[in-house]
Amino acid sequence: MKRAFTLALGLGAGVVVGMYVVRRLDAAQRAVQPSNVAGNAGRAAAGFTSRLQAAAAEGRAAAAEREAELRARFDVPNLRSALGS
């Protein structure tokens, strides 16, 4: 009776571990398929592009603010007011 229980427990553990390994290998195989790799690369590039655009816009705003501060501090007119527009 004890041997049968141990055999059943071992077989059950083997089946569970085997199923876990097969599922992990299947998920890894799907992750490296060309369509998934291309999709992940496209999403990463789109995210990078949007972050780059946001950073550039923030930089332009900060530069304009700093330019306005310096023009006010040193009493330098901007091009539009200097030309009378």
PDB file of N, CA and C in Angstrom:
ATOM      1  N   MET A   1       0.818  -1.195   0.000  1.00  0.00           N
ATOM      2  CA  MET A   1       0.000   0.000   0.000  1.00  0.00           C
ATOM      3  C   MET A   1       0.861   1.258   0.000  1.00  0.00           C
ATOM      4  N   LYS A   2       1.928   1.256   0.792  1.00  0.00           N
ATOM      5  CA  LYS A   2       2.803   2.416   0.879  1.00  0.00           C
ATOM      6  C   LYS A   2       3.522   2.636  -0.464  1.00  0.00           C
ATOM      7  N   ARG A   3       3.909   1.559  -1.128  1.00  0.00           N
ATOM      8  CA  ARG A   3       4.593   1.674  -2.413  1.00  0.00           C
ATOM      9  C   ARG A   3       3.647   2.209  -3.495  1.00  0.00           C
ATOM     10  N   ALA A   4       2.425   1.782  -3.471  1.00  0.00           N
ATOM     11  CA  ALA A   4       1.451   2.257  -4.449  1.00  0.00           C
ATOM     12  C   ALA A   4       1.190   3.754  -4.264  1.00  0.00           C
ATOM     13  N   PHE A   5       1.095   4.194  -3.027  1.00  0.00           N
ATOM     14  CA  PHE A   5       0.897   5.620  -2.736  1.00  0.00           C
ATOM     15  C   PHE A   5       2.092   6.429  -3.221  1.00  0.00           C
ATOM     16  N   THR A   6       3.296   5.946  -2.941  1.00  0.00           N
ATOM     17  CA  THR A   6       4.506   6.646  -3.359  1.00  0.00           C
ATOM     18  C   THR A   6       4.594   6.693  -4.883  1.00  0.00           C
ATOM     19  N   LEU A   7       4.242   5.582  -5.534  1.00  0.00           N
ATOM     20  CA  LEU A   7       4.247   5.546  -6.995  1.00  0.00           C
ATOM     21  C   LEU A   7       3.238   6.550  -7.561  1.00  0.00           C
ATOM     22  N   ALA A   8       2.043   6.585  -7.020  1.00  0.00           N
ATOM     23  CA  ALA A   8       1.011   7.512  -7.494  1.00  0.00           C
ATOM     24  C   ALA A   8       1.429   8.962  -7.243  1.00  0.00           C
ATOM     25  N   LEU A   9       2.016   9.228  -6.103  1.00  0.00           N
ATOM     26  CA  LEU A   9       2.476  10.578  -5.782  1.00  0.00           C
ATOM     27  C   LEU A   9       3.582  11.004  -6.743  1.00  0.00           C
ATOM     28  N   GLY A  10       4.514  10.115  -7.034  1.00  0.00           N
ATOM     29  CA  GLY A  10       5.599  10.417  -7.961  1.00  0.00           C
ATOM     30  C   GLY A  10       5.103  10.656  -9.371  1.00  0.00           C
ATOM     31  N   LEU A  11       4.170   9.813  -9.809  1.00  0.00           N
ATOM     32  CA  LEU A  11       3.601  10.000 -11.146  1.00  0.00           C
ATOM     33  C   LEU A  11       2.829  11.311 -11.236  1.00  0.00           C
ATOM     34  N   GLY A  12       2.071  11.614 -10.207  1.00  0.00           N
ATOM     35  CA  GLY A  12       1.312  12.870 -10.195  1.00  0.00           C
ATOM     36  C   GLY A  12       2.228  14.081 -10.234  1.00  0.00           C
ATOM     37  N   ALA A  13       3.291  14.047  -9.432  1.00  0.00           N
ATOM     38  CA  ALA A  13       4.248  15.157  -9.423  1.00  0.00           C
ATOM     39  C   ALA A  13       4.931  15.273 -10.784  1.00  0.00           C
ATOM     40  N   GLY A  14       5.247  14.137 -11.397  1.00  0.00           N
ATOM     41  CA  GLY A  14       5.878  14.157 -12.717  1.00  0.00           C
ATOM     42  C   GLY A  14       4.975  14.755 -13.776  1.00  0.00           C
ATOM     43  N   VAL A  15       3.709  14.422 -13.722  1.00  0.00           N
ATOM     44  CA  VAL A  15       2.755  14.978 -14.683  1.00  0.00           C
ATOM     45  C   VAL A  15       2.613  16.481 -14.493  1.00  0.00           C
ATOM     46  N   VAL A  16       2.506  16.928 -13.243  1.00  0.00           N
ATOM     47  CA  VAL A  16       2.353  18.366 -12.961  1.00  0.00           C
ATOM     48  C   VAL A  16       3.582  19.139 -13.421  1.00  0.00           C
ATOM     49  N   VAL A  17       4.755  18.653 -13.091  1.00  0.00           N
ATOM     50  CA  VAL A  17       5.984  19.333 -13.504  1.00  0.00           C
ATOM     51  C   VAL A  17       6.115  19.310 -15.025  1.00  0.00           C
ATOM     52  N   GLY A  18       5.784  18.179 -15.645  1.00  0.00           N
ATOM     53  CA  GLY A  18       5.847  18.083 -17.100  1.00  0.00           C
ATOM     54  C   GLY A  18       4.924  19.073 -17.785  1.00  0.00           C
ATOM     55  N   MET A  19       3.709  19.209 -17.274  1.00  0.00           N
ATOM     56  CA  MET A  19       2.758  20.166 -17.853  1.00  0.00           C
ATOM     57  C   MET A  19       3.273  21.600 -17.689  1.00  0.00           C
ATOM     58  N   TYR A  20       3.842  21.909 -16.533  1.00  0.00           N
ATOM     59  CA  TYR A  20       4.382  23.248 -16.281  1.00  0.00           C
ATOM     60  C   TYR A  20       5.505  23.564 -17.273  1.00  0.00           C
ATOM     61  N   VAL A  21       6.412  22.605 -17.464  1.00  0.00           N
ATOM     62  CA  VAL A  21       7.539  22.813 -18.377  1.00  0.00           C
ATOM     63  C   VAL A  21       7.042  22.986 -19.812  1.00  0.00           C
ATOM     64  N   VAL A  22       6.103  22.174 -20.233  1.00  0.00           N
ATOM     65  CA  VAL A  22       5.579  22.284 -21.592  1.00  0.00           C
ATOM     66  C   VAL A  22       4.903  23.633 -21.807  1.00  0.00           C
ATOM     67  N   ARG A  23       4.151  24.097 -20.834  1.00  0.00           N
ATOM     68  CA  ARG A  23       3.490  25.407 -20.980  1.00  0.00           C
ATOM     69  C   ARG A  23       4.503  26.542 -21.043  1.00  0.00           C
ATOM     70  N   ARG A  24       5.535  26.472 -20.217  1.00  0.00           N
ATOM     71  CA  ARG A  24       6.561  27.515 -20.240  1.00  0.00           C
ATOM     72  C   ARG A  24       7.315  27.522 -21.567  1.00  0.00           C
ATOM     73  N   LEU A  25       7.646  26.337 -22.078  1.00  0.00           N
ATOM     74  CA  LEU A  25       8.331  26.261 -23.363  1.00  0.00           C
ATOM     75  C   LEU A  25       7.444  26.768 -24.493  1.00  0.00           C
ATOM     76  N   ASP A  26       6.158  26.470 -24.440  1.00  0.00           N
ATOM     77  CA  ASP A  26       5.230  26.945 -25.465  1.00  0.00           C
ATOM     78  C   ASP A  26       5.128  28.475 -25.432  1.00  0.00           C
ATOM     79  N   ALA A  27       5.056  29.035 -24.238  1.00  0.00           N
ATOM     80  CA  ALA A  27       4.992  30.497 -24.114  1.00  0.00           C
ATOM     81  C   ALA A  27       6.279  31.142 -24.627  1.00  0.00           C
ATOM     82  N   ALA A  28       7.418  30.531 -24.324  1.00  0.00           N
ATOM     83  CA  ALA A  28       8.693  31.072 -24.806  1.00  0.00           C
ATOM     84  C   ALA A  28       8.781  30.984 -26.323  1.00  0.00           C
ATOM     85  N   GLN A  29       8.285  29.903 -26.889  1.00  0.00           N
ATOM     86  CA  GLN A  29       8.301  29.734 -28.337  1.00  0.00           C
ATOM     87  C   GLN A  29       7.411  30.779 -29.015  1.00  0.00           C
ATOM     88  N   ARG A  30       6.240  31.035 -28.441  1.00  0.00           N
ATOM     89  CA  ARG A  30       5.347  32.042 -29.019  1.00  0.00           C
ATOM     90  C   ARG A  30       5.957  33.435 -28.906  1.00  0.00           C
ATOM     91  N   ALA A  31       6.713  33.689 -27.846  1.00  0.00           N
ATOM     92  CA  ALA A  31       7.294  35.020 -27.643  1.00  0.00           C
ATOM     93  C   ALA A  31       8.358  35.352 -28.682  1.00  0.00           C
ATOM     94  N   VAL A  32       9.027  34.350 -29.226  1.00  0.00           N
ATOM     95  CA  VAL A  32      10.103  34.621 -30.176  1.00  0.00           C
ATOM     96  C   VAL A  32       9.689  34.397 -31.621  1.00  0.00           C
ATOM     97  N   GLN A  33       8.405  34.223 -31.877  1.00  0.00           N
ATOM     98  CA  GLN A  33       7.941  34.117 -33.256  1.00  0.00           C
ATOM     99  C   GLN A  33       8.124  35.463 -33.946  1.00  0.00           C
ATOM    100  N   PRO A  34       8.456  35.464 -35.225  1.00  0.00           N
ATOM    101  CA  PRO A  34       8.718  36.727 -35.929  1.00  0.00           C
ATOM    102  C   PRO A  34       7.579  37.749 -35.821  1.00  0.00           C
ATOM    103  N   SER A  35       6.332  37.297 -35.879  1.00  0.00           N
ATOM    104  CA  SER A  35       5.229  38.257 -35.805  1.00  0.00           C
ATOM    105  C   SER A  35       5.175  38.920 -34.432  1.00  0.00           C
ATOM    106  N   ASN A  36       5.441  38.185 -33.382  1.00  0.00           N
ATOM    107  CA  ASN A  36       5.429  38.770 -32.046  1.00  0.00           C
ATOM    108  C   ASN A  36       6.627  39.677 -31.815  1.00  0.00           C
ATOM    109  N   VAL A  37       7.788  39.276 -32.333  1.00  0.00           N
ATOM    110  CA  VAL A  37       8.980  40.106 -32.178  1.00  0.00           C
ATOM    111  C   VAL A  37       8.785  41.431 -32.909  1.00  0.00           C
ATOM    112  N   ALA A  38       8.233  41.371 -34.122  1.00  0.00           N
ATOM    113  CA  ALA A  38       7.994  42.592 -34.894  1.00  0.00           C
ATOM    114  C   ALA A  38       6.960  43.476 -34.203  1.00  0.00           C
ATOM    115  N   GLY A  39       5.923  42.878 -33.665  1.00  0.00           N
ATOM    116  CA  GLY A  39       4.908  43.660 -32.958  1.00  0.00           C
ATOM    117  C   GLY A  39       5.471  44.338 -31.721  1.00  0.00           C
ATOM    118  N   ASN A  40       6.279  43.616 -30.968  1.00  0.00           N
ATOM    119  CA  ASN A  40       6.894  44.205 -29.781  1.00  0.00           C
ATOM    120  C   ASN A  40       7.839  45.340 -30.151  1.00  0.00           C
ATOM    121  N   ALA A  41       8.595  45.160 -31.232  1.00  0.00           N
ATOM    122  CA  ALA A  41       9.507  46.211 -31.677  1.00  0.00           C
ATOM    123  C   ALA A  41       8.727  47.442 -32.133  1.00  0.00           C
ATOM    124  N   GLY A  42       7.622  47.238 -32.833  1.00  0.00           N
ATOM    125  CA  GLY A  42       6.800  48.363 -33.274  1.00  0.00           C
ATOM    126  C   GLY A  42       6.203  49.129 -32.113  1.00  0.00           C
ATOM    127  N   ARG A  43       5.708  48.396 -31.113  1.00  0.00           N
ATOM    128  CA  ARG A  43       5.156  49.077 -29.931  1.00  0.00           C
ATOM    129  C   ARG A  43       6.236  49.840 -29.173  1.00  0.00           C
ATOM    130  N   ALA A  44       7.421  49.266 -29.077  1.00  0.00           N
ATOM    131  CA  ALA A  44       8.515  49.942 -28.386  1.00  0.00           C
ATOM    132  C   ALA A  44       8.929  51.205 -29.136  1.00  0.00           C
ATOM    133  N   ALA A  45       8.981  51.125 -30.468  1.00  0.00           N
ATOM    134  CA  ALA A  45       9.352  52.295 -31.267  1.00  0.00           C
ATOM    135  C   ALA A  45       8.298  53.388 -31.152  1.00  0.00           C
ATOM    136  N   ALA A  46       7.029  53.010 -31.147  1.00  0.00           N
ATOM    137  CA  ALA A  46       5.965  54.006 -31.012  1.00  0.00           C
ATOM    138  C   ALA A  46       6.032  54.681 -29.647  1.00  0.00           C
ATOM    139  N   GLY A  47       6.295  53.911 -28.617  1.00  0.00           N
ATOM    140  CA  GLY A  47       6.424  54.491 -27.285  1.00  0.00           C
ATOM    141  C   GLY A  47       7.615  55.430 -27.199  1.00  0.00           C
ATOM    142  N   PHE A  48       8.724  55.038 -27.831  1.00  0.00           N
ATOM    143  CA  PHE A  48       9.912  55.890 -27.831  1.00  0.00           C
ATOM    144  C   PHE A  48       9.648  57.180 -28.578  1.00  0.00           C
ATOM    145  N   THR A  49       8.962  57.082 -29.707  1.00  0.00           N
ATOM    146  CA  THR A  49       8.654  58.268 -30.505  1.00  0.00           C
ATOM    147  C   THR A  49       7.785  59.244 -29.732  1.00  0.00           C
ATOM    148  N   SER A  50       6.771  58.738 -29.051  1.00  0.00           N
ATOM    149  CA  SER A  50       5.898  59.643 -28.294  1.00  0.00           C
ATOM    150  C   SER A  50       6.647  60.278 -27.129  1.00  0.00           C
ATOM    151  N   ARG A  51       7.514  59.513 -26.466  1.00  0.00           N
ATOM    152  CA  ARG A  51       8.307  60.091 -25.370  1.00  0.00           C
ATOM    153  C   ARG A  51       9.283  61.138 -25.893  1.00  0.00           C
ATOM    154  N   LEU A  52       9.860  60.879 -27.072  1.00  0.00           N
ATOM    155  CA  LEU A  52      10.790  61.829 -27.668  1.00  0.00           C
ATOM    156  C   LEU A  52      10.066  63.122 -28.059  1.00  0.00           C
ATOM    157  N   GLN A  53       8.868  63.007 -28.622  1.00  0.00           N
ATOM    158  CA  GLN A  53       8.099  64.196 -28.989  1.00  0.00           C
ATOM    159  C   GLN A  53       7.717  65.001 -27.751  1.00  0.00           C
ATOM    160  N   ALA A  54       7.324  64.319 -26.686  1.00  0.00           N
ATOM    161  CA  ALA A  54       6.970  65.014 -25.449  1.00  0.00           C
ATOM    162  C   ALA A  54       8.179  65.725 -24.861  1.00  0.00           C
ATOM    163  N   ALA A  55       9.332  65.073 -24.900  1.00  0.00           N
ATOM    164  CA  ALA A  55      10.551  65.692 -24.363  1.00  0.00           C
ATOM    165  C   ALA A  55      10.948  66.910 -25.194  1.00  0.00           C
ATOM    166  N   ALA A  56      10.820  66.821 -26.507  1.00  0.00           N
ATOM    167  CA  ALA A  56      11.156  67.958 -27.370  1.00  0.00           C
ATOM    168  C   ALA A  56      10.217  69.133 -27.111  1.00  0.00           C
ATOM    169  N   ALA A  57       8.939  68.853 -26.955  1.00  0.00           N
ATOM    170  CA  ALA A  57       7.975  69.923 -26.676  1.00  0.00           C
ATOM    171  C   ALA A  57       8.272  70.576 -25.326  1.00  0.00           C
ATOM    172  N   GLU A  58       8.587  69.767 -24.337  1.00  0.00           N
ATOM    173  CA  GLU A  58       8.919  70.304 -23.021  1.00  0.00           C
ATOM    174  C   GLU A  58      10.195  71.140 -23.088  1.00  0.00           C
ATOM    175  N   GLY A  59      11.156  70.687 -23.876  1.00  0.00           N
ATOM    176  CA  GLY A  59      12.400  71.444 -24.047  1.00  0.00           C
ATOM    177  C   GLY A  59      12.167  72.778 -24.729  1.00  0.00           C
ATOM    178  N   ARG A  60      11.309  72.777 -25.770  1.00  0.00           N
ATOM    179  CA  ARG A  60      11.005  74.048 -26.448  1.00  0.00           C
ATOM    180  C   ARG A  60      10.312  75.026 -25.510  1.00  0.00           C
ATOM    181  N   ALA A  61       9.388  74.521 -24.685  1.00  0.00           N
ATOM    182  CA  ALA A  61       8.684  75.395 -23.738  1.00  0.00           C
ATOM    183  C   ALA A  61       9.646  75.965 -22.706  1.00  0.00           C
ATOM    184  N   ALA A  62      10.547  75.121 -22.209  1.00  0.00           N
ATOM    185  CA  ALA A  62      11.526  75.593 -21.220  1.00  0.00           C
ATOM    186  C   ALA A  62      12.476  76.613 -21.839  1.00  0.00           C
ATOM    187  N   ALA A  63      12.874  76.391 -23.098  1.00  0.00           N
ATOM    188  CA  ALA A  63      13.769  77.328 -23.776  1.00  0.00           C
ATOM    189  C   ALA A  63      13.075  78.670 -23.995  1.00  0.00           C
ATOM    190  N   ALA A  64      11.809  78.637 -24.394  1.00  0.00           N
ATOM    191  CA  ALA A  64      11.074  79.888 -24.600  1.00  0.00           C
ATOM    192  C   ALA A  64      10.903  80.641 -23.284  1.00  0.00           C
ATOM    193  N   GLU A  65      10.641  79.913 -22.209  1.00  0.00           N
ATOM    194  CA  GLU A  65      10.502  80.553 -20.903  1.00  0.00           C
ATOM    195  C   GLU A  65      11.817  81.190 -20.460  1.00  0.00           C
ATOM    196  N   ARG A  66      12.911  80.465 -20.649  1.00  0.00           N
ATOM    197  CA  ARG A  66      14.221  80.999 -20.268  1.00  0.00           C
ATOM    198  C   ARG A  66      14.596  82.190 -21.132  1.00  0.00           C
ATOM    199  N   GLU A  67      14.277  82.129 -22.416  1.00  0.00           N
ATOM    200  CA  GLU A  67      14.565  83.253 -23.304  1.00  0.00           C
ATOM    201  C   GLU A  67      13.788  84.491 -22.862  1.00  0.00           C
ATOM    202  N   ALA A  68      12.531  84.305 -22.506  1.00  0.00           N
ATOM    203  CA  ALA A  68      11.725  85.444 -22.033  1.00  0.00           C
ATOM    204  C   ALA A  68      12.312  86.025 -20.752  1.00  0.00           C
ATOM    205  N   GLU A  69      12.773  85.168 -19.843  1.00  0.00           N
ATOM    206  CA  GLU A  69      13.401  85.655 -18.611  1.00  0.00           C
ATOM    207  C   GLU A  69      14.653  86.481 -18.916  1.00  0.00           C
ATOM    208  N   LEU A  70      15.505  85.974 -19.804  1.00  0.00           N
ATOM    209  CA  LEU A  70      16.748  86.675 -20.139  1.00  0.00           C
ATOM    210  C   LEU A  70      16.474  87.981 -20.881  1.00  0.00           C
ATOM    211  N   ARG A  71      15.491  87.960 -21.793  1.00  0.00           N
ATOM    212  CA  ARG A  71      15.158  89.204 -22.506  1.00  0.00           C
ATOM    213  C   ARG A  71      14.636  90.256 -21.536  1.00  0.00           C
ATOM    214  N   ALA A  72      13.826  89.840 -20.565  1.00  0.00           N
ATOM    215  CA  ALA A  72      13.306  90.786 -19.575  1.00  0.00           C
ATOM    216  C   ALA A  72      14.426  91.283 -18.661  1.00  0.00           C
ATOM    217  N   ARG A  73      15.299  90.411 -18.295  1.00  0.00           N
ATOM    218  CA  ARG A  73      16.383  90.773 -17.368  1.00  0.00           C
ATOM    219  C   ARG A  73      17.346  91.765 -18.001  1.00  0.00           C
ATOM    220  N   PHE A  74      17.711  91.551 -19.269  1.00  0.00           N
ATOM    221  CA  PHE A  74      18.694  92.404 -19.931  1.00  0.00           C
ATOM    222  C   PHE A  74      18.059  93.423 -20.872  1.00  0.00           C
ATOM    223  N   ASP A  75      16.740  93.534 -20.824  1.00  0.00           N
ATOM    224  CA  ASP A  75      15.985  94.503 -21.620  1.00  0.00           C
ATOM    225  C   ASP A  75      16.325  94.396 -23.108  1.00  0.00           C
ATOM    226  N   VAL A  76      16.236  93.208 -23.633  1.00  0.00           N
ATOM    227  CA  VAL A  76      16.479  92.954 -25.046  1.00  0.00           C
ATOM    228  C   VAL A  76      15.138  92.644 -25.686  1.00  0.00           C
ATOM    229  N   PRO A  77      14.759  93.429 -26.706  1.00  0.00           N
ATOM    230  CA  PRO A  77      13.450  93.169 -27.333  1.00  0.00           C
ATOM    231  C   PRO A  77      13.516  91.908 -28.203  1.00  0.00           C
ATOM    232  N   ASN A  78      12.373  91.301 -28.395  1.00  0.00           N
ATOM    233  CA  ASN A  78      12.344  90.154 -29.309  1.00  0.00           C
ATOM    234  C   ASN A  78      12.259  90.657 -30.730  1.00  0.00           C
ATOM    235  N   LEU A  79      12.381  89.813 -31.686  1.00  0.00           N
ATOM    236  CA  LEU A  79      12.449  90.197 -33.096  1.00  0.00           C
ATOM    237  C   LEU A  79      11.178  90.885 -33.552  1.00  0.00           C
ATOM    238  N   ARG A  80      10.016  90.405 -33.109  1.00  0.00           N
ATOM    239  CA  ARG A  80       8.760  91.010 -33.560  1.00  0.00           C
ATOM    240  C   ARG A  80       8.617  92.450 -33.067  1.00  0.00           C
ATOM    241  N   SER A  81       8.941  92.674 -31.795  1.00  0.00           N
ATOM    242  CA  SER A  81       8.808  94.041 -31.296  1.00  0.00           C
ATOM    243  C   SER A  81       9.888  94.945 -31.850  1.00  0.00           C
ATOM    244  N   ALA A  82      11.041  94.400 -32.173  1.00  0.00           N
ATOM    245  CA  ALA A  82      12.110  95.211 -32.755  1.00  0.00           C
ATOM    246  C   ALA A  82      11.760  95.655 -34.165  1.00  0.00           C
ATOM    247  N   LEU A  83      11.027  94.826 -34.905  1.00  0.00           N
ATOM    248  CA  LEU A  83      10.642  95.182 -36.265  1.00  0.00           C
ATOM    249  C   LEU A  83       9.341  95.983 -36.307  1.00  0.00           C
ATOM    250  N   GLY A  84       8.668  96.080 -35.165  1.00  0.00           N
ATOM    251  CA  GLY A  84       7.445  96.847 -35.101  1.00  0.00           C
ATOM    252  C   GLY A  84       6.214  96.076 -35.532  1.00  0.00           C
ATOM    253  N   SER A  85       6.249  94.776 -35.541  1.00  0.00           N
ATOM    254  CA  SER A  85       5.100  93.967 -35.970  1.00  0.00           C
ATOM    255  C   SER A  85       4.147  93.736 -34.856  1.00  0.00           C
TER     256      SER A  85
END
